[in-house]
C-alpha atoms as a PDB file:
ATOM      1  CA  MET A   1    -125.023  14.525  25.011  1.00  0.00           C
ATOM      2  CA  MET A   2    -126.398  16.671  21.945  1.00  0.00           C
ATOM      3  CA  GLN A   3    -129.796  17.502  21.603  1.00  0.00           C
ATOM      4  CA  VAL A   4    -131.185  18.731  17.928  1.00  0.00           C
ATOM      5  CA  CYS A   5    -133.983  21.295  18.178  1.00  0.00           C
ATOM      6  CA  LEU A   6    -135.705  20.869  15.172  1.00  0.00           C
ATOM      7  CA  ASN A   7    -138.083  23.783  14.439  1.00  0.00           C
ATOM      8  CA  GLY A   8    -138.965  25.813  17.424  1.00  0.00           C
ATOM      9  CA  ARG A   9    -141.309  28.548  17.123  1.00  0.00           C
ATOM     10  CA  ARG A  10    -139.905  29.331  13.731  1.00  0.00           C
ATOM     11  CA  THR A  11    -142.626  29.030  10.542  1.00  0.00           C
ATOM     12  CA  ALA A  12    -142.149  28.858   6.882  1.00  0.00           C
ATOM     13  CA  MET A  13    -141.310  32.755   6.641  1.00  0.00           C
ATOM     14  CA  ASP A  14    -137.951  31.494   8.096  1.00  0.00           C
ATOM     15  CA  GLY A  15    -137.154  29.417   4.965  1.00  0.00           C
ATOM     16  CA  ALA A  16    -137.761  26.169   3.304  1.00  0.00           C
ATOM     17  CA  CYS A  17    -135.206  24.497   5.603  1.00  0.00           C
ATOM     18  CA  VAL A  18    -137.154  24.671   8.704  1.00  0.00           C
ATOM     19  CA  PRO A  19    -139.484  21.354   9.223  1.00  0.00           C
ATOM     20  CA  LEU A  20    -142.777  21.890   9.898  1.00  0.00           C
ATOM     21  CA  SER A  21    -144.891  18.655   8.866  1.00  0.00           C
ATOM     22  CA  PRO A  22    -145.003  15.559  10.665  1.00  0.00           C
ATOM     23  CA  GLU A  23    -143.191  13.991   7.392  1.00  0.00           C
ATOM     24  CA  ASP A  24    -140.417  16.681   7.121  1.00  0.00           C
ATOM     25  CA  LEU A  25    -139.695  16.591  10.965  1.00  0.00           C
ATOM     26  CA  ALA A  26    -139.248  13.011  10.719  1.00  0.00           C
ATOM     27  CA  ARG A  27    -136.751  13.361   7.756  1.00  0.00           C
ATOM     28  CA  SER A  28    -134.717  15.931   9.325  1.00  0.00           C
ATOM     29  CA  ALA A  29    -134.920  14.007  12.640  1.00  0.00           C
ATOM     30  CA  ALA A  30    -133.325  11.149  10.894  1.00  0.00           C
ATOM     31  CA  GLU A  31    -130.718  13.280   9.176  1.00  0.00           C
ATOM     32  CA  ALA A  32    -129.624  15.181  12.274  1.00  0.00           C
ATOM     33  CA  VAL A  33    -129.405  11.601  14.230  1.00  0.00           C
ATOM     34  CA  ALA A  34    -126.915  10.359  11.579  1.00  0.00           C
ATOM     35  CA  ALA A  35    -125.055  13.372  11.951  1.00  0.00           C
ATOM     36  CA  GLY A  36    -124.426  12.664  15.564  1.00  0.00           C
ATOM     37  CA  ALA A  37    -127.717  13.968  17.807  1.00  0.00           C
ATOM     38  CA  THR A  38    -128.592  11.526  20.362  1.00  0.00           C
ATOM     39  CA  GLU A  39    -132.162  13.453  21.597  1.00  0.00           C
ATOM     40  CA  ILE A  40    -134.783  15.242  19.618  1.00  0.00           C
ATOM     41  CA  HIS A  41    -136.845  18.252  20.624  1.00  0.00           C
ATOM     42  CA  VAL A  42    -139.584  19.535  18.670  1.00  0.00           C
ATOM     43  CA  HIS A  43    -142.717  21.811  18.370  1.00  0.00           C
ATOM     44  CA  PRO A  44    -145.732  19.778  16.369  1.00  0.00           C
ATOM     45  CA  LYS A  45    -147.178  22.371  14.539  1.00  0.00           C
ATOM     46  CA  THR A  46    -150.618  22.761  12.881  1.00  0.00           C
ATOM     47  CA  PRO A  47    -151.249  22.326   9.208  1.00  0.00           C
ATOM     48  CA  CYS A  48    -151.312  26.406   9.402  1.00  0.00           C
ATOM     49  CA  GLY A  49    -147.702  26.071  10.963  1.00  0.00           C
ATOM     50  CA  HIS A  50    -148.588  27.264  14.338  1.00  0.00           C
ATOM     51  CA  ASP A  51    -147.204  25.319  17.660  1.00  0.00           C
ATOM     52  CA  SER A  52    -150.053  23.091  19.158  1.00  0.00           C
ATOM     53  CA  LEU A  53    -150.353  21.008  22.169  1.00  0.00           C
ATOM     54  CA  SER A  54    -153.275  19.185  20.634  1.00  0.00           C
ATOM     55  CA  PRO A  55    -153.284  15.471  20.937  1.00  0.00           C
ATOM     56  CA  ARG A  56    -154.345  15.357  17.165  1.00  0.00           C
ATOM     57  CA  VAL A  57    -151.308  17.309  16.195  1.00  0.00           C
ATOM     58  CA  LEU A  58    -148.722  15.785  18.847  1.00  0.00           C
ATOM     59  CA  ALA A  59    -149.583  12.109  17.985  1.00  0.00           C
ATOM     60  CA  PRO A  60    -149.023  11.789  14.210  1.00  0.00           C
ATOM     61  CA  THR A  61    -145.599  13.683  14.769  1.00  0.00           C
ATOM     62  CA  LEU A  62    -144.580  11.524  17.618  1.00  0.00           C
ATOM     63  CA  GLU A  63    -145.190   8.462  15.244  1.00  0.00           C
ATOM     64  CA  ALA A  64    -143.597   9.867  12.235  1.00  0.00           C
ATOM     65  CA  ILE A  65    -140.535  10.794  14.086  1.00  0.00           C
ATOM     66  CA  ARG A  66    -140.129   7.486  15.840  1.00  0.00           C
ATOM     67  CA  ALA A  67    -140.701   5.645  12.846  1.00  0.00           C
ATOM     68  CA  ARG A  68    -137.442   7.119  11.671  1.00  0.00           C
ATOM     69  CA  VAL A  69    -135.042   7.207  14.497  1.00  0.00           C
ATOM     70  CA  PRO A  70    -134.228   5.222  18.100  1.00  0.00           C
ATOM     71  CA  VAL A  71    -133.470   8.133  20.037  1.00  0.00           C
ATOM     72  CA  PRO A  72    -135.965   9.985  22.630  1.00  0.00           C
ATOM     73  CA  VAL A  73    -138.319  12.463  21.578  1.00  0.00           C
ATOM     74  CA  GLY A  74    -139.313  15.374  23.479  1.00  0.00           C
ATOM     75  CA  VAL A  75    -142.063  18.206  22.855  1.00  0.00           C
ATOM     76  CA  THR A  76    -142.623  21.597  24.249  1.00  0.00           C
ATOM     77  CA  THR A  77    -145.594  22.638  26.528  1.00  0.00           C
ATOM     78  CA  GLY A  78    -144.812  26.391  25.910  1.00  0.00           C
ATOM     79  CA  ALA A  79    -147.529  29.151  27.183  1.00  0.00           C
ATOM     80  CA  TRP A  80    -147.387  30.476  23.430  1.00  0.00           C
ATOM     81  CA  ALA A  81    -149.016  27.317  22.313  1.00  0.00           C
ATOM     82  CA  GLU A  82    -151.921  27.786  25.207  1.00  0.00           C
ATOM     83  CA  PRO A  83    -151.710  30.784  27.165  1.00  0.00           C
ATOM     84  CA  ASP A  84    -154.308  29.998  29.705  1.00  0.00           C
ATOM     85  CA  PRO A  85    -152.656  27.891  32.307  1.00  0.00           C
ATOM     86  CA  ALA A  86    -155.849  25.772  32.803  1.00  0.00           C
ATOM     87  CA  ALA A  87    -156.542  24.846  29.318  1.00  0.00           C
ATOM     88  CA  ARG A  88    -152.783  24.123  28.665  1.00  0.00           C
ATOM     89  CA  LEU A  89    -152.724  21.697  31.608  1.00  0.00           C
ATOM     90  CA  ASP A  90    -156.137  20.113  29.921  1.00  0.00           C
ATOM     91  CA  ARG A  91    -154.278  19.676  26.398  1.00  0.00           C
ATOM     92  CA  VAL A  92    -151.584  17.786  28.214  1.00  0.00           C
ATOM     93  CA  ARG A  93    -153.920  15.581  30.322  1.00  0.00           C
ATOM     94  CA  SER A  94    -155.534  14.846  27.268  1.00  0.00           C
ATOM     95  CA  TRP A  95    -152.422  13.354  25.299  1.00  0.00           C
ATOM     96  CA  SER A  96    -152.793   9.810  24.375  1.00  0.00           C
ATOM     97  CA  ALA A  97    -149.627   9.433  22.552  1.00  0.00           C
ATOM     98  CA  LEU A  98    -146.695  10.509  24.970  1.00  0.00           C
ATOM     99  CA  PRO A  99    -143.339  11.694  24.457  1.00  0.00           C
ATOM    100  CA  ASP A 100    -140.190  10.622  26.139  1.00  0.00           C
ATOM    101  CA  PHE A 101    -139.799  14.102  27.794  1.00  0.00           C
ATOM    102  CA  ALA A 102    -141.144  17.553  27.704  1.00  0.00           C
ATOM    103  CA  SER A 103    -140.015  21.099  28.398  1.00  0.00           C
ATOM    104  CA  VAL A 104    -141.724  22.943  30.769  1.00  0.00           C
ATOM    105  CA  ASN A 105    -140.817  26.504  31.376  1.00  0.00           C
ATOM    106  CA  TRP A 106    -140.860  27.238  35.032  1.00  0.00           C
ATOM    107  CA  HIS A 107    -141.276  30.741  34.787  1.00  0.00           C
ATOM    108  CA  GLU A 108    -144.739  30.463  33.090  1.00  0.00           C
ATOM    109  CA  PRO A 109    -147.959  30.059  34.928  1.00  0.00           C
ATOM    110  CA  GLY A 110    -149.191  26.699  35.631  1.00  0.00           C
ATOM    111  CA  ALA A 111    -145.807  25.386  35.040  1.00  0.00           C
ATOM    112  CA  GLU A 112    -145.667  23.164  38.349  1.00  0.00           C
ATOM    113  CA  GLU A 113    -149.100  21.364  37.549  1.00  0.00           C
ATOM    114  CA  VAL A 114    -147.940  20.458  33.949  1.00  0.00           C
ATOM    115  CA  ALA A 115    -144.720  19.220  35.295  1.00  0.00           C
ATOM    116  CA  GLY A 116    -146.541  17.390  38.033  1.00  0.00           C
ATOM    117  CA  HIS A 117    -149.087  15.890  35.688  1.00  0.00           C
ATOM    118  CA  LEU A 118    -145.841  14.768  33.247  1.00  0.00           C
ATOM    119  CA  LEU A 119    -144.014  13.226  36.266  1.00  0.00           C
ATOM    120  CA  ALA A 120    -147.163  11.493  37.115  1.00  0.00           C
ATOM    121  CA  ARG A 121    -147.747   9.561  33.847  1.00  0.00           C
ATOM    122  CA  ASP A 122    -143.895   8.865  33.576  1.00  0.00           C
ATOM    123  CA  VAL A 123    -143.094  11.452  31.051  1.00  0.00           C
ATOM    124  CA  GLY A 124    -139.541  13.089  31.797  1.00  0.00           C
ATOM    125  CA  VAL A 125    -139.648  16.597  32.452  1.00  0.00           C
ATOM    126  CA  GLU A 126    -136.789  19.268  31.119  1.00  0.00           C
ATOM    127  CA  ALA A 127    -137.280  21.978  33.742  1.00  0.00           C
ATOM    128  CA  GLY A 128    -136.877  24.976  31.428  1.00  0.00           C
ATOM    129  CA  ILE A 129    -134.943  28.054  33.148  1.00  0.00           C
ATOM    130  CA  TRP A 130    -134.426  31.051  31.174  1.00  0.00           C
ATOM    131  CA  SER A 131    -132.270  33.953  31.625  1.00  0.00           C
ATOM    132  CA  GLY A 132    -134.004  36.974  32.582  1.00  0.00           C
ATOM    133  CA  THR A 133    -136.620  35.526  34.341  1.00  0.00           C
ATOM    134  CA  ASP A 134    -137.405  34.250  38.164  1.00  0.00           C
ATOM    135  CA  ALA A 135    -137.169  30.910  36.893  1.00  0.00           C
ATOM    136  CA  ALA A 136    -134.142  29.906  38.876  1.00  0.00           C
ATOM    137  CA  ALA A 137    -135.501  30.986  41.975  1.00  0.00           C
ATOM    138  CA  ARG A 138    -138.913  29.080  41.475  1.00  0.00           C
ATOM    139  CA  PHE A 139    -137.119  25.828  40.783  1.00  0.00           C
ATOM    140  CA  ALA A 140    -134.905  26.222  43.612  1.00  0.00           C
ATOM    141  CA  ALA A 141    -137.894  26.244  45.972  1.00  0.00           C
ATOM    142  CA  SER A 142    -139.824  23.816  44.050  1.00  0.00           C
ATOM    143  CA  PRO A 143    -140.607  20.355  45.618  1.00  0.00           C
ATOM    144  CA  LEU A 144    -140.683  18.552  42.199  1.00  0.00           C
ATOM    145  CA  GLY A 145    -136.686  19.968  41.341  1.00  0.00           C
ATOM    146  CA  PRO A 146    -135.272  16.620  42.486  1.00  0.00           C
ATOM    147  CA  ARG A 147    -137.587  14.576  40.015  1.00  0.00           C
ATOM    148  CA  VAL A 148    -137.152  16.213  37.081  1.00  0.00           C
ATOM    149  CA  LEU A 149    -135.224  14.829  33.826  1.00  0.00           C
ATOM    150  CA  ARG A 150    -132.898  17.630  33.367  1.00  0.00           C
ATOM    151  CA  VAL A 151    -132.838  21.337  33.866  1.00  0.00           C
ATOM    152  CA  LEU A 152    -132.789  23.066  30.423  1.00  0.00           C
ATOM    153  CA  ALA A 153    -130.684  26.138  30.926  1.00  0.00           C
ATOM    154  CA  GLU A 154    -131.810  28.730  28.315  1.00  0.00           C
ATOM    155  CA  VAL A 155    -129.686  31.751  27.756  1.00  0.00           C
ATOM    156  CA  THR A 156    -131.846  34.409  26.117  1.00  0.00           C
ATOM    157  CA  ASP A 157    -129.179  36.717  25.404  1.00  0.00           C
ATOM    158  CA  PRO A 158    -128.626  36.899  21.809  1.00  0.00           C
ATOM    159  CA  ASP A 159    -125.525  39.107  21.676  1.00  0.00           C
ATOM    160  CA  PRO A 160    -122.500  36.730  20.888  1.00  0.00           C
ATOM    161  CA  ALA A 161    -120.230  39.435  23.128  1.00  0.00           C
ATOM    162  CA  THR A 162    -122.216  38.905  26.186  1.00  0.00           C
ATOM    163  CA  ALA A 163    -123.744  35.516  25.960  1.00  0.00           C
ATOM    164  CA  GLN A 164    -121.199  33.420  27.839  1.00  0.00           C
ATOM    165  CA  ALA A 165    -121.226  36.060  30.810  1.00  0.00           C
ATOM    166  CA  SER A 166    -125.211  35.695  30.731  1.00  0.00           C
ATOM    167  CA  ALA A 167    -124.640  31.741  30.701  1.00  0.00           C
ATOM    168  CA  ARG A 168    -122.199  31.431  33.580  1.00  0.00           C
ATOM    169  CA  SER A 169    -124.874  34.128  35.453  1.00  0.00           C
ATOM    170  CA  LEU A 170    -127.684  31.880  34.776  1.00  0.00           C
ATOM    171  CA  LEU A 171    -125.595  28.701  35.994  1.00  0.00           C
ATOM    172  CA  ALA A 172    -124.595  30.536  39.140  1.00  0.00           C
ATOM    173  CA  GLY A 173    -128.090  31.303  39.754  1.00  0.00           C
ATOM    174  CA  LEU A 174    -129.172  27.470  39.328  1.00  0.00           C
ATOM    175  CA  GLY A 175    -126.773  26.620  42.316  1.00  0.00           C
ATOM    176  CA  GLY A 176    -127.193  22.931  42.719  1.00  0.00           C
ATOM    177  CA  ALA A 177    -130.104  22.645  40.563  1.00  0.00           C
ATOM    178  CA  HIS A 178    -131.290  19.864  42.898  1.00  0.00           C
ATOM    179  CA  GLY A 179    -128.506  17.623  41.597  1.00  0.00           C
ATOM    180  CA  ARG A 180    -129.946  17.236  38.240  1.00  0.00           C
ATOM    181  CA  PRO A 181    -128.042  17.345  35.098  1.00  0.00           C
ATOM    182  CA  VAL A 182    -127.901  20.604  33.095  1.00  0.00           C
ATOM    183  CA  LEU A 183    -128.338  21.229  29.464  1.00  0.00           C
ATOM    184  CA  LEU A 184    -126.972  24.489  28.346  1.00  0.00           C
ATOM    185  CA  HIS A 185    -128.025  26.322  25.196  1.00  0.00           C
ATOM    186  CA  GLY A 186    -128.202  29.437  23.832  1.00  0.00           C
ATOM    187  CA  GLU A 187    -130.203  31.503  21.407  1.00  0.00           C
ATOM    188  CA  GLU A 188    -129.725  33.116  17.781  1.00  0.00           C
ATOM    189  CA  GLY A 189    -126.144  35.028  18.051  1.00  0.00           C
ATOM    190  CA  GLY A 190    -125.471  33.590  21.453  1.00  0.00           C
ATOM    191  CA  ALA A 191    -126.074  30.102  20.093  1.00  0.00           C
ATOM    192  CA  TRP A 192    -122.441  29.339  19.200  1.00  0.00           C
ATOM    193  CA  PRO A 193    -120.652  31.013  22.084  1.00  0.00           C
ATOM    194  CA  VAL A 194    -123.061  29.159  24.478  1.00  0.00           C
ATOM    195  CA  LEU A 195    -122.652  25.801  22.848  1.00  0.00           C
ATOM    196  CA  ARG A 196    -118.630  26.333  23.198  1.00  0.00           C
ATOM    197  CA  LEU A 197    -119.152  27.072  26.778  1.00  0.00           C
ATOM    198  CA  ALA A 198    -121.080  23.982  27.295  1.00  0.00           C
ATOM    199  CA  GLY A 199    -118.004  22.006  25.908  1.00  0.00           C
ATOM    200  CA  ARG A 200    -116.002  23.696  28.229  1.00  0.00           C
ATOM    201  CA  LEU A 201    -117.687  22.673  31.168  1.00  0.00           C
ATOM    202  CA  GLY A 202    -118.508  19.060  30.084  1.00  0.00           C
ATOM    203  CA  LEU A 203    -122.294  20.099  30.116  1.00  0.00           C
ATOM    204  CA  ALA A 204    -125.000  18.711  27.639  1.00  0.00           C
ATOM    205  CA  ALA A 205    -125.881  20.898  24.726  1.00  0.00           C
ATOM    206  CA  ARG A 206    -128.264  21.339  21.840  1.00  0.00           C
ATOM    207  CA  ILE A 207    -128.385  22.833  18.598  1.00  0.00           C
ATOM    208  CA  GLY A 208    -131.042  23.127  15.789  1.00  0.00           C
ATOM    209  CA  LEU A 209    -133.039  25.549  13.505  1.00  0.00           C
ATOM    210  CA  GLU A 210    -134.964  26.650  16.815  1.00  0.00           C
ATOM    211  CA  ASP A 211    -131.886  28.283  18.264  1.00  0.00           C
ATOM    212  CA  THR A 212    -130.143  29.573  15.333  1.00  0.00           C
ATOM    213  CA  LEU A 213    -130.300  29.604  11.491  1.00  0.00           C
ATOM    214  CA  ALA A 214    -126.776  30.342  11.139  1.00  0.00           C
ATOM    215  CA  LEU A 215    -123.536  28.352  11.125  1.00  0.00           C
ATOM    216  CA  PRO A 216    -120.533  29.617  13.235  1.00  0.00           C
ATOM    217  CA  ASP A 217    -119.199  31.436  10.417  1.00  0.00           C
ATOM    218  CA  GLY A 218    -122.720  33.470   9.924  1.00  0.00           C
ATOM    219  CA  GLU A 219    -123.285  31.289   6.784  1.00  0.00           C
ATOM    220  CA  ARG A 220    -127.081  30.154   6.547  1.00  0.00           C
ATOM    221  CA  ALA A 221    -127.403  26.619   7.529  1.00  0.00           C
ATOM    222  CA  ARG A 222    -128.821  24.328   5.303  1.00  0.00           C
ATOM    223  CA  SER A 223    -130.436  21.795   7.633  1.00  0.00           C
ATOM    224  CA  ASN A 224    -130.419  20.681  11.185  1.00  0.00           C
ATOM    225  CA  ALA A 225    -127.870  17.836  10.277  1.00  0.00           C
ATOM    226  CA  GLN A 226    -125.558  20.350   9.337  1.00  0.00           C
ATOM    227  CA  LEU A 227    -125.989  22.305  12.643  1.00  0.00           C
ATOM    228  CA  VAL A 228    -125.317  19.279  14.337  1.00  0.00           C
ATOM    229  CA  ALA A 229    -122.010  18.100  12.523  1.00  0.00           C
ATOM    230  CA  GLN A 230    -120.851  21.585  13.136  1.00  0.00           C
ATOM    231  CA  ALA A 231    -121.941  21.705  16.871  1.00  0.00           C
ATOM    232  CA  LEU A 232    -120.178  18.479  17.298  1.00  0.00           C
ATOM    233  CA  SER A 233    -117.026  19.872  15.820  1.00  0.00           C
ATOM    234  CA  GLN A 234    -117.317  23.032  17.829  1.00  0.00           C
ATOM    235  CA  GLN A 235    -117.279  21.015  20.969  1.00  0.00           C
ATOM    236  CA  GLY A 236    -114.600  18.786  20.387  1.00  0.00           C
ATOM    237  CA  CYS A 237    -112.459  21.971  19.726  1.00  0.00           C
ATOM    238  CA  SER A 238    -113.637  23.442  23.038  1.00  0.00           C
ATOM    239  CA  GLN A 239    -113.069  20.208  25.109  1.00  0.00           C
ATOM    240  CA  ARG A 240    -109.176  19.970  23.816  1.00  0.00           C
ATOM    241  CA  SER A 241    -108.656  23.564  24.128  1.00  0.00           C
ATOM    242  CA  SER A 242    -109.734  23.414  27.765  1.00  0.00           C
END
């Protein structure tokens, strides 16, 4: 499974290739799916380009993407979009249009409450387990663990020389992960080494302009579709060499 992360917390300052509006996100999603992506992860944005959990921002983004692609669409519930845990939960409770799944970062205050509400509404939960946090230990103790859609193992080490070692350490810390599937991905300089490791381990992966603006050779990526095509090529090479 290859998930594409369309935009993340990036803004217009990161370049014109980063899609922000519902229309641009839908176009980018369609191109990425045509290139081989099987799921979409998106950060809905206000007209000013800020991440938002507001139903008035979420609904148009979901509608636009779903009009263009038939694959599952997931969103963030990151605390940066709404730092107060109670307000964040209220935002998620107010959603009328629902995503197929949502990422919940387990190290953030209020994560279990947000995840529990999403599960009660039959929205799949990606348990975001970040390296460098206590998320793996929290998740191991969580009664919600066996009910999540998958674990999103996020390697925050941006160093290409050490990112794979960080990824292996994170996976070891997850243990059995409550028996749930694991999607492994990295960020910035660590994105491509971690993606290749995911291929060798037979794990689901993701790529997109949220995780990196660069192709494996360091050239600036032109689109999410270009990143997806490169990722599938890289994973194919990793699997053949393992």
